């Protein structure tokens, strides 16, 4: 295997494992690329078709560039060529100089930029504040920025967009994005390993510190105290702090009042469920990114019926995209209605409870409710457990990630992962799709 092929395969594997792309996006646009050439500061990519050239240039070039840099530790200009286009001279001469400068891993999703964020009435204030923070980081009026709202509404997207904006303006900026649970675990490990000073140096030297789901430090007294001092030091140095949560500061429980008061000293804004127009725009925007297009009536159908959050909206769209890719039949509105029948969640007069969901899921998979609540890693039990979490998140009234996490005795990230995984699987895995449909049918039957 020559240098070009080996290096490209390593890059592709990084992209695939990163989950930055949906499986159908990776399989459609990245995997078919079989020919590349690294030449000095240019990476030539031969796309399999002219359509692929346009899709890669419009939607995937920034992701490829991100992972080329992570793999090679070198900035490359990327040129996408169509089949048959002339290769650069000296094809077999590879020049990839060693560069000992480590690539900065900002832990930012390359998709989460201001350019890809769809602004609507439900998020325009949060977007405006976020953009102001990105343009003038550390300004006392906007420090800290505290964004709150339900799961899947765009808090993480906006907070990371600030990071991308700042990174693009100042490549030497020290930008740190971390989930509150990860921050807590790192702190615990630093205590165990006697590396607390190194931990403090990492976070207190940030130019921009983004902490996602800050509510999860609740009740963790040592972590709260540590974060309080980190917050103070960054604030005094006019370094920007961005926090996200599922609730406003005043509703945070078991967090030192001194810290809550600091959360309130800057700007607090919320994100609510997107309205119809925003949902419609998100669907069209995602299709453009994926290099596909549908009739507006199909977008309208999804936008009218999938209302809970952006993740659910994207899950429904993914199913349509995969179906269209398979070319089973022409994609009309009636076909879309049929294939999304089990995906679209309608209001039910019946009060569905957590216990009902657990029992129906257990019955369907032939396991015990204790298995759903337990820690077994057997594949069918893990799938059943994730489906139960997914249905609970969507069908139990007045619920959110936090209440589902509490009910299933799991942490926030586990619930979010389950919801995202089953949402994506419903667009691609008929077995899981059937299971969700049948269980919901049992739950809603009178």
Protein backbone atom coordinates (compact mmCIF):
# COMPACT_ATOMS: atom_id res chain seq x y z
CA UNK A 1 0.00 0.00 0.00
CA UNK A 2 1.56 3.35 -1.05
CA UNK A 3 1.84 6.44 1.07
CA UNK A 4 -1.17 8.21 -0.46
CA UNK A 5 -3.59 5.34 0.04
CA UNK A 6 -2.43 4.53 3.59
CA UNK A 7 -2.58 8.15 4.73
CA UNK A 8 -6.02 8.64 3.17
CA UNK A 9 -7.41 5.48 4.76
CA UNK A 10 -6.21 6.69 8.17
CA UNK A 11 -7.93 10.04 7.61
CA UNK A 12 -11.16 8.36 6.50
CA UNK A 13 -11.14 6.17 9.58
CA UNK A 14 -10.81 9.25 11.78
CA UNK A 15 -13.76 10.87 10.01
CA UNK A 16 -15.88 7.74 10.30
CA UNK A 17 -15.18 7.23 14.00
CA UNK A 18 -15.73 10.89 14.85
CA UNK A 19 -19.49 10.68 14.18
CA UNK A 20 -19.29 14.15 12.65
CA UNK A 21 -21.20 12.74 9.67
CA UNK A 22 -24.28 10.59 9.55
CA UNK A 23 -23.46 7.08 8.21
CA UNK A 24 -25.31 7.76 4.95
CA UNK A 25 -23.30 10.96 4.42
CA UNK A 26 -19.99 9.16 4.98
CA UNK A 27 -21.03 6.22 2.76
CA UNK A 28 -22.30 8.49 -0.02
CA UNK A 29 -19.57 11.12 -0.26
CA UNK A 30 -16.40 10.07 1.61
CA UNK A 31 -16.11 6.28 1.33
CA UNK A 32 -16.31 6.21 -2.52
CA UNK A 33 -13.17 8.39 -2.82
CA UNK A 34 -10.52 5.90 -3.94
CA UNK A 35 -7.81 8.13 -5.37
CA UNK A 36 -5.90 10.92 -3.63
CA UNK A 37 -2.48 12.48 -3.94
CA UNK A 38 -0.48 14.44 -1.35
CA UNK A 39 1.87 16.87 -3.09
CA UNK A 40 3.78 19.43 -1.05
CA UNK A 41 1.04 21.64 0.46
CA UNK A 42 -1.83 20.38 -1.68
CA UNK A 43 -4.06 17.33 -1.26
CA UNK A 44 -5.72 16.30 -4.52
CA UNK A 45 -8.92 14.29 -4.22
CA UNK A 46 -10.58 12.59 -7.16
CA UNK A 47 -14.31 12.42 -6.56
CA UNK A 48 -16.22 9.56 -8.27
CA UNK A 49 -18.52 11.92 -10.21
CA UNK A 50 -19.08 15.61 -11.06
CA UNK A 51 -22.03 15.65 -8.63
CA UNK A 52 -19.74 14.36 -5.89
CA UNK A 53 -17.22 17.12 -6.66
CA UNK A 54 -19.89 19.76 -6.02
CA UNK A 55 -21.23 18.06 -2.87
CA UNK A 56 -17.76 17.65 -1.35
CA UNK A 57 -16.74 21.23 -2.16
CA UNK A 58 -19.99 22.69 -0.81
CA UNK A 59 -20.52 20.61 2.32
CA UNK A 60 -17.61 18.38 3.35
CA UNK A 61 -14.37 20.17 2.54
CA UNK A 62 -14.06 21.72 6.02
CA UNK A 63 -14.49 18.32 7.68
CA UNK A 64 -11.89 16.69 5.43
CA UNK A 65 -9.47 19.55 6.08
CA UNK A 66 -10.01 19.26 9.84
CA UNK A 67 -9.09 15.58 9.90
CA UNK A 68 -6.25 15.88 7.39
CA UNK A 69 -4.69 18.33 9.83
CA UNK A 70 -5.32 16.05 12.81
CA UNK A 71 -3.71 13.11 10.99
CA UNK A 72 -0.75 14.85 9.32
CA UNK A 73 -0.16 17.82 11.67
CA UNK A 74 0.09 19.92 8.52
CA UNK A 75 -2.18 22.43 6.76
CA UNK A 76 -3.09 21.32 3.23
CA UNK A 77 -4.96 23.13 0.51
CA UNK A 78 -7.52 20.63 -0.78
CA UNK A 79 -8.46 20.44 -4.45
CA UNK A 80 -11.33 18.21 -5.57
CA UNK A 81 -11.03 16.87 -9.10
CA UNK A 82 -13.53 15.05 -11.31
CA UNK A 83 -12.80 11.60 -12.79
CA UNK A 84 -10.34 11.86 -15.68
CA UNK A 85 -8.93 15.25 -14.71
CA UNK A 86 -5.17 15.49 -15.13
CA UNK A 87 -3.07 14.59 -12.12
CA UNK A 88 -0.38 16.94 -10.84
CA UNK A 89 3.14 16.51 -12.12
CA UNK A 90 5.53 14.11 -10.38
CA UNK A 91 2.76 11.90 -9.07
CA UNK A 92 5.08 9.49 -7.33
CA UNK A 93 7.11 12.19 -5.59
CA UNK A 94 5.65 12.58 -2.14
CA UNK A 95 6.70 15.52 -0.02
CA UNK A 96 5.29 15.42 3.48
CA UNK A 97 7.74 17.21 5.73
CA UNK A 98 7.85 16.41 9.39
CA UNK A 99 6.15 19.03 11.49
CA UNK A 100 6.61 18.74 15.21
CA UNK A 101 3.97 21.35 15.93
CA UNK A 102 1.13 19.46 17.58
CA UNK A 103 -2.31 19.99 16.13
CA UNK A 104 -4.60 21.76 18.51
CA UNK A 105 -7.58 19.57 19.33
CA UNK A 106 -10.27 22.02 20.35
CA UNK A 107 -12.83 19.24 20.81
CA UNK A 108 -15.23 21.20 18.59
CA UNK A 109 -17.63 19.61 16.14
CA UNK A 110 -16.74 21.05 12.69
CA UNK A 111 -20.46 21.15 11.81
CA UNK A 112 -21.30 23.48 14.69
CA UNK A 113 -20.58 26.90 13.21
CA UNK A 114 -22.63 30.08 12.88
CA UNK A 115 -22.93 29.42 9.14
CA UNK A 116 -24.74 26.13 9.72
CA UNK A 117 -27.01 27.42 12.49
CA UNK A 118 -30.56 28.15 11.35
CA UNK A 119 -31.90 31.25 13.08
CA UNK A 120 -35.60 31.49 13.95
CA UNK A 121 -37.88 33.10 16.50
CA UNK A 122 -37.05 30.40 19.06
CA UNK A 123 -33.31 31.07 19.09
CA UNK A 124 -32.62 34.48 17.51
CA UNK A 125 -31.81 36.19 20.81
CA UNK A 126 -29.41 33.41 21.86
CA UNK A 127 -27.82 33.57 18.42
CA UNK A 128 -27.39 37.34 18.62
CA UNK A 129 -25.80 37.17 22.07
CA UNK A 130 -23.52 34.31 20.99
CA UNK A 131 -22.33 36.24 17.96
CA UNK A 132 -21.67 39.31 20.12
CA UNK A 133 -19.60 37.19 22.50
CA UNK A 134 -17.64 35.69 19.61
CA UNK A 135 -16.87 39.14 18.21
CA UNK A 136 -15.80 40.68 21.55
CA UNK A 137 -14.85 37.83 23.92
CA UNK A 138 -14.32 38.80 27.55
CA UNK A 139 -16.53 41.89 27.40
CA UNK A 140 -17.97 42.16 30.93
CA UNK A 141 -21.50 42.82 29.66
CA UNK A 142 -21.58 39.38 28.02
CA UNK A 143 -19.47 37.44 30.50
CA UNK A 144 -20.48 34.81 31.30
CA UNK A 145 -22.92 33.85 28.56
CA UNK A 146 -25.42 31.38 29.99
CA UNK A 147 -27.61 29.57 27.40
CA UNK A 148 -30.38 27.29 28.64
CA UNK A 149 -33.12 25.15 27.08
CA UNK A 150 -34.24 21.59 26.44
CA UNK A 151 -32.22 18.82 24.80
CA UNK A 152 -31.60 18.95 21.07
CA UNK A 153 -32.48 22.61 20.58
CA UNK A 154 -29.04 23.99 19.64
CA UNK A 155 -27.28 25.04 22.87
CA UNK A 156 -24.17 23.01 22.08
CA UNK A 157 -24.21 24.17 18.46
CA UNK A 158 -24.21 27.85 19.45
CA UNK A 159 -21.61 27.47 22.20
CA UNK A 160 -19.23 25.65 19.87
CA UNK A 161 -19.89 28.16 17.09
CA UNK A 162 -18.36 30.77 19.39
CA UNK A 163 -15.29 28.56 19.69
CA UNK A 164 -14.98 28.15 15.90
CA UNK A 165 -15.40 31.89 15.34
CA UNK A 166 -12.70 32.71 17.88
CA UNK A 167 -10.39 29.98 16.54
CA UNK A 168 -10.69 31.30 12.98
CA UNK A 169 -9.84 34.83 14.14
CA UNK A 170 -6.99 33.81 16.41
CA UNK A 171 -5.41 30.42 15.78
CA UNK A 172 -3.27 30.75 18.90
CA UNK A 173 -6.25 31.24 21.24
CA UNK A 174 -6.57 28.65 24.00
CA UNK A 175 -10.12 27.38 23.53
CA UNK A 176 -11.52 24.64 25.75
CA UNK A 177 -14.89 22.94 25.28
CA UNK A 178 -15.85 20.39 27.93
CA UNK A 179 -18.99 18.67 29.19
CA UNK A 180 -19.61 19.26 32.91
CA UNK A 181 -19.46 15.52 33.56
CA UNK A 182 -16.08 15.30 31.83
CA UNK A 183 -14.81 18.26 33.86
CA UNK A 184 -15.95 16.52 37.06
CA UNK A 185 -14.30 13.24 36.11
CA UNK A 186 -11.05 14.98 35.17
CA UNK A 187 -11.02 16.75 38.53
CA UNK A 188 -11.61 13.49 40.42
CA UNK A 189 -8.80 11.84 38.47
CA UNK A 190 -6.48 14.75 39.23
CA UNK A 191 -7.14 14.28 42.94
CA UNK A 192 -6.48 10.56 42.72
CA UNK A 193 -3.33 11.00 40.65
CA UNK A 194 -2.07 14.06 42.54
CA UNK A 195 -2.13 16.17 39.36
CA UNK A 196 -4.47 18.91 40.59
CA UNK A 197 -2.08 21.71 39.68
CA UNK A 198 -1.88 20.46 36.11
CA UNK A 199 -5.70 20.30 36.00
CA UNK A 200 -5.99 23.88 37.26
CA UNK A 201 -3.36 25.13 34.84
CA UNK A 202 -5.28 23.61 31.94
CA UNK A 203 -8.59 25.29 32.70
CA UNK A 204 -7.40 28.54 34.27
CA UNK A 205 -5.24 29.40 31.27
CA UNK A 206 -8.16 29.23 28.82
CA UNK A 207 -8.98 32.25 26.66
CA UNK A 208 -12.43 30.78 26.10
CA UNK A 209 -13.94 28.14 28.39
CA UNK A 210 -17.15 26.46 27.25
CA UNK A 211 -18.83 24.14 29.75
CA UNK A 212 -21.80 22.15 28.47
CA UNK A 213 -24.62 21.04 30.81
CA UNK A 214 -23.29 22.84 33.85
CA UNK A 215 -26.26 21.54 35.88
CA UNK A 216 -24.41 18.24 36.26
CA UNK A 217 -21.99 19.60 38.80
CA UNK A 218 -25.02 19.87 41.09
CA UNK A 219 -24.38 18.26 44.48
CA UNK A 220 -20.67 17.68 43.75
CA UNK A 221 -19.28 19.98 46.42
CA UNK A 222 -15.58 19.63 45.68
CA UNK A 223 -16.12 20.14 41.95
CA UNK A 224 -18.33 23.18 42.62
CA UNK A 225 -15.63 24.74 44.82
CA UNK A 226 -12.95 24.06 42.22
CA UNK A 227 -15.05 25.50 39.41
CA UNK A 228 -15.91 28.54 41.53
CA UNK A 229 -12.22 29.45 41.78
CA UNK A 230 -11.60 28.69 38.10
CA UNK A 231 -14.54 30.90 37.15
CA UNK A 232 -13.26 33.76 39.32
CA UNK A 233 -9.74 33.61 37.91
CA UNK A 234 -10.91 33.60 34.29
CA UNK A 235 -13.42 36.36 34.95
CA UNK A 236 -10.85 38.58 36.61
CA UNK A 237 -8.54 38.12 33.61
CA UNK A 238 -11.41 39.06 31.21
CA UNK A 239 -11.41 35.60 29.65
CA UNK A 240 -14.72 34.53 28.13
CA UNK A 241 -16.87 31.91 29.85
CA UNK A 242 -19.80 30.22 28.08
CA UNK A 243 -22.14 27.87 29.95
CA UNK A 244 -25.11 25.78 28.81
CA UNK A 245 -27.80 24.18 30.94
CA UNK A 246 -31.26 22.66 30.72
CA UNK A 247 -32.61 25.34 33.11
CA UNK A 248 -31.88 28.98 34.10
CA UNK A 249 -29.37 29.68 36.90
CA UNK A 250 -32.03 30.43 39.53
CA UNK A 251 -33.46 26.93 39.09
CA UNK A 252 -30.15 25.11 39.58
CA UNK A 253 -30.28 22.97 42.72
CA UNK A 254 -27.49 22.03 45.11
CA UNK A 255 -25.01 24.52 43.66
CA UNK A 256 -23.34 27.11 45.89
CA UNK A 257 -25.28 30.36 45.79
CA UNK A 258 -22.00 32.24 45.26
CA UNK A 259 -21.52 30.41 41.98
CA UNK A 260 -25.14 30.78 40.87
CA UNK A 261 -24.88 34.53 41.42
CA UNK A 262 -21.84 34.62 39.14
CA UNK A 263 -23.77 32.73 36.45
CA UNK A 264 -26.29 35.57 36.58
CA UNK A 265 -23.79 38.41 36.33
CA UNK A 266 -23.51 38.33 32.53
CA UNK A 267 -26.12 37.44 29.90
CA UNK A 268 -28.71 34.67 30.35
CA UNK A 269 -30.81 33.59 27.38
CA UNK A 270 -32.96 30.62 26.48
CA UNK A 271 -33.64 28.51 23.39
CA UNK A 272 -37.13 27.07 22.95
CA UNK A 273 -38.61 24.53 20.54
CA UNK A 274 -38.30 25.71 16.93
CA UNK A 275 -41.45 26.97 15.24
CA UNK A 276 -42.74 25.59 11.93
CA UNK A 277 -40.79 28.04 9.76
CA UNK A 278 -37.54 27.30 11.56
CA UNK A 279 -38.10 23.54 11.33
CA UNK A 280 -38.76 23.88 7.61
CA UNK A 281 -35.56 25.90 7.14
CA UNK A 282 -33.51 23.39 9.16
CA UNK A 283 -34.72 20.56 6.93
CA UNK A 284 -33.80 22.39 3.74
CA UNK A 285 -30.46 23.45 5.17
CA UNK A 286 -29.56 19.87 6.16
CA UNK A 287 -30.55 18.56 2.75
CA UNK A 288 -28.34 21.14 1.08
CA UNK A 289 -25.45 20.02 3.29
CA UNK A 290 -26.12 16.39 2.35
CA UNK A 291 -26.28 17.22 -1.37
CA UNK A 292 -29.91 16.16 -1.81
CA UNK A 293 -33.23 17.91 -2.39
CA UNK A 294 -36.92 17.06 -2.00
CA UNK A 295 -40.24 18.69 -2.87
CA UNK A 296 -41.32 21.36 -0.41
CA UNK A 297 -44.43 19.35 0.49
CA UNK A 298 -42.19 16.67 2.02
CA UNK A 299 -40.33 19.25 4.11
CA UNK A 300 -43.69 20.67 5.14
CA UNK A 301 -45.00 17.28 6.22
CA UNK A 302 -41.98 16.60 8.43
CA UNK A 303 -41.94 20.15 9.83
CA UNK A 304 -45.63 19.99 10.75
CA UNK A 305 -45.41 16.64 12.47
CA UNK A 306 -42.01 16.45 14.17
CA UNK A 307 -41.99 19.25 16.72
CA UNK A 308 -40.05 18.12 19.79
CA UNK A 309 -36.48 19.17 18.92
CA UNK A 310 -33.88 19.44 16.18
CA UNK A 311 -32.49 15.94 16.78
CA UNK A 312 -35.89 14.35 16.15
CA UNK A 313 -36.31 16.51 13.06
CA UNK A 314 -32.96 15.39 11.68
CA UNK A 315 -33.73 11.75 12.49
CA UNK A 316 -36.94 11.88 10.43
CA UNK A 317 -35.12 13.57 7.56
CA UNK A 318 -32.34 10.97 7.64
CA UNK A 319 -34.88 8.24 7.14
CA UNK A 320 -36.25 9.99 4.06
CA UNK A 321 -32.75 10.52 2.67
CA UNK A 322 -31.78 6.86 3.12
CA UNK A 323 -35.04 5.71 1.50
CA UNK A 324 -34.45 7.99 -1.48
CA UNK A 325 -30.88 6.70 -1.79
CA UNK A 326 -32.13 3.11 -2.04
CA UNK A 327 -34.31 4.06 -5.07
CA UNK A 328 -37.07 1.69 -4.02
CA UNK A 329 -39.77 3.89 -5.59
CA UNK A 330 -40.26 7.58 -6.44
CA UNK A 331 -40.40 9.63 -3.27
CA UNK A 332 -43.82 11.28 -3.16
CA UNK A 333 -45.64 12.83 -0.23
CA UNK A 334 -47.73 9.69 0.28
CA UNK A 335 -44.57 7.56 0.32
CA UNK A 336 -42.97 9.92 2.85
CA UNK A 337 -46.08 9.73 5.05
CA UNK A 338 -45.95 5.95 4.95
CA UNK A 339 -42.26 5.51 5.75
CA UNK A 340 -42.45 8.07 8.59
CA UNK A 341 -45.68 6.68 10.04
CA UNK A 342 -43.89 5.03 12.94
CA UNK A 343 -41.49 7.94 13.35
CA UNK A 344 -43.91 10.83 13.68
CA UNK A 345 -45.08 11.12 17.27
CA UNK A 346 -48.61 12.44 17.62
CA UNK A 347 -50.31 13.61 20.78
CA UNK A 348 -52.15 10.87 22.66
CA UNK A 349 -54.91 11.23 25.22
CA UNK A 350 -53.48 8.28 27.07
CA UNK A 351 -51.05 9.14 29.85
CA UNK A 352 -47.96 7.05 29.08
CA UNK A 353 -45.71 6.45 32.07
CA UNK A 354 -42.14 5.32 32.51
CA UNK A 355 -43.25 2.03 34.07
CA UNK A 356 -45.54 1.31 31.11
CA UNK A 357 -42.67 1.91 28.67
CA UNK A 358 -40.23 -0.27 30.58
CA UNK A 359 -42.73 -3.13 30.79
CA UNK A 360 -43.69 -3.00 27.09
CA UNK A 361 -40.04 -2.85 26.02
CA UNK A 362 -39.21 -5.77 28.32
CA UNK A 363 -42.12 -7.78 26.91
CA UNK A 364 -41.10 -7.05 23.33
CA UNK A 365 -37.49 -8.15 23.84
CA UNK A 366 -38.29 -11.03 26.20
CA UNK A 367 -36.27 -9.63 29.08
CA UNK A 368 -36.99 -8.37 32.60
CA UNK A 369 -37.55 -4.76 33.60
CA UNK A 370 -34.56 -5.23 35.91
CA UNK A 371 -32.43 -5.79 32.80
CA UNK A 372 -33.48 -2.42 31.43
CA UNK A 373 -32.54 -0.74 34.70
CA UNK A 374 -29.38 -2.81 35.13
CA UNK A 375 -25.85 -2.61 33.74
CA UNK A 376 -25.66 -5.67 31.48
CA UNK A 377 -23.82 -5.05 28.21
CA UNK A 378 -25.50 -7.83 26.20
CA UNK A 379 -26.37 -6.38 22.79
CA UNK A 380 -30.15 -6.97 22.77
CA UNK A 381 -30.46 -5.65 26.34
CA UNK A 382 -28.47 -2.52 25.52
CA UNK A 383 -30.69 -1.94 22.46
CA UNK A 384 -33.84 -2.47 24.52
CA UNK A 385 -32.57 -0.09 27.19
CA UNK A 386 -31.81 2.63 24.62
CA UNK A 387 -35.19 2.20 22.94
CA UNK A 388 -36.90 2.57 26.33
CA UNK A 389 -34.99 5.79 26.97
CA UNK A 390 -35.82 7.07 23.47
CA UNK A 391 -39.55 6.40 23.79
CA UNK A 392 -39.63 7.85 27.31
CA UNK A 393 -37.95 11.03 26.10
CA UNK A 394 -40.55 11.44 23.34
CA UNK A 395 -43.77 10.05 24.84
CA UNK A 396 -43.83 10.84 28.56
CA UNK A 397 -45.46 14.21 29.10
CA UNK A 398 -43.45 17.12 30.51
CA UNK A 399 -40.18 15.26 30.36
CA UNK A 400 -36.62 16.15 29.39
CA UNK A 401 -33.17 14.56 29.42
CA UNK A 402 -32.75 15.24 33.12
CA UNK A 403 -36.02 13.59 34.18
CA UNK A 404 -35.35 10.58 31.94
CA UNK A 405 -31.82 10.28 33.38
CA UNK A 406 -33.21 10.33 36.89
CA UNK A 407 -35.85 7.70 36.07
CA UNK A 408 -33.38 5.31 34.42
CA UNK A 409 -30.67 6.01 37.01
CA UNK A 410 -28.22 7.10 34.33
CA UNK A 411 -26.32 10.28 33.61
CA UNK A 412 -27.31 12.95 31.13
CA UNK A 413 -24.83 11.91 28.43
CA UNK A 414 -26.12 8.32 28.44
CA UNK A 415 -29.68 9.48 27.75
CA UNK A 416 -28.59 11.94 25.07
CA UNK A 417 -26.52 9.22 23.39
CA UNK A 418 -29.47 6.79 23.44
CA UNK A 419 -31.87 9.35 21.97
CA UNK A 420 -29.43 10.31 19.22
CA UNK A 421 -28.53 6.70 18.41
CA UNK A 422 -32.12 5.45 18.15
CA UNK A 423 -33.17 8.57 16.21
CA UNK A 424 -30.46 7.85 13.63
CA UNK A 425 -31.18 4.11 13.61
CA UNK A 426 -34.84 4.71 12.81
CA UNK A 427 -33.73 6.14 9.50
CA UNK A 428 -31.48 3.21 8.68
CA UNK A 429 -32.27 0.07 10.71
CA UNK A 430 -35.59 -1.60 9.91
CA UNK A 431 -35.36 -3.91 12.93
CA UNK A 432 -35.09 -1.05 15.39
CA UNK A 433 -37.68 0.97 13.48
CA UNK A 434 -40.14 -1.92 13.71
CA UNK A 435 -39.47 -2.40 17.41
CA UNK A 436 -40.13 1.28 18.18
CA UNK A 437 -43.29 1.27 16.06
CA UNK A 438 -44.70 -1.89 17.64
CA UNK A 439 -43.93 -0.78 21.21
CA UNK A 440 -45.50 2.65 20.69
CA UNK A 441 -48.52 1.00 19.11
CA UNK A 442 -48.96 -1.15 22.23
CA UNK A 443 -48.60 1.88 24.47
CA UNK A 444 -51.15 3.98 22.59
CA UNK A 445 -53.76 1.29 21.94
CA UNK A 446 -56.82 1.72 24.11
